[in-house]
Amino acid sequence: QVQLVESGGGLVQAGDSLRLSCVASGRTYNDYVLGWFRQAPGQEREFVSAISWSGQTTIYTDSVKGRFTISRDNAKGTTSLQMNSLKPEDTAVYYCAFSRGGAPGFPIDLTIFDSYDYWGQGTQVTVSS
């Protein structure tokens, strides 16, 4: 079992920055992917960003490219999402997600919900205009 705890959400104005953090604990072992999703009221949960175990591979949804940066610290079991130039449309509950990835030679789509094995409780981000 793996536990994920997010922090860092809040209420900010458009153009401001926030940094979300997530701590993974439990039977994490190594070589796992960490990701961020978000869900706005009345909307489906959508992919935001993900980072590989080495940190060398990062992916972002188009709407946050150039504004958000994902990082991780494997020694601490954490991932962070630096969010700059926030917009009202970024308002959502942000969820941290954990994926063991696919078997060797069988890559999985890390932008979809079903590719992740564990989820955090979420942290609210509200951006006012």
Foldseek 3Di string as FASTA:
>chain_A
DKAKAKDWADEEAAQAKTKMKMAIDDPQPAFKKKFKWWDDVPGDIWGAKIATRVRPDIDGDPVQPPFWDKGADVVRRMIMIIGGRDDQVVWTWMKMFMANADDVVDGDDPGDDVRTDDMYPTDTHGYHD
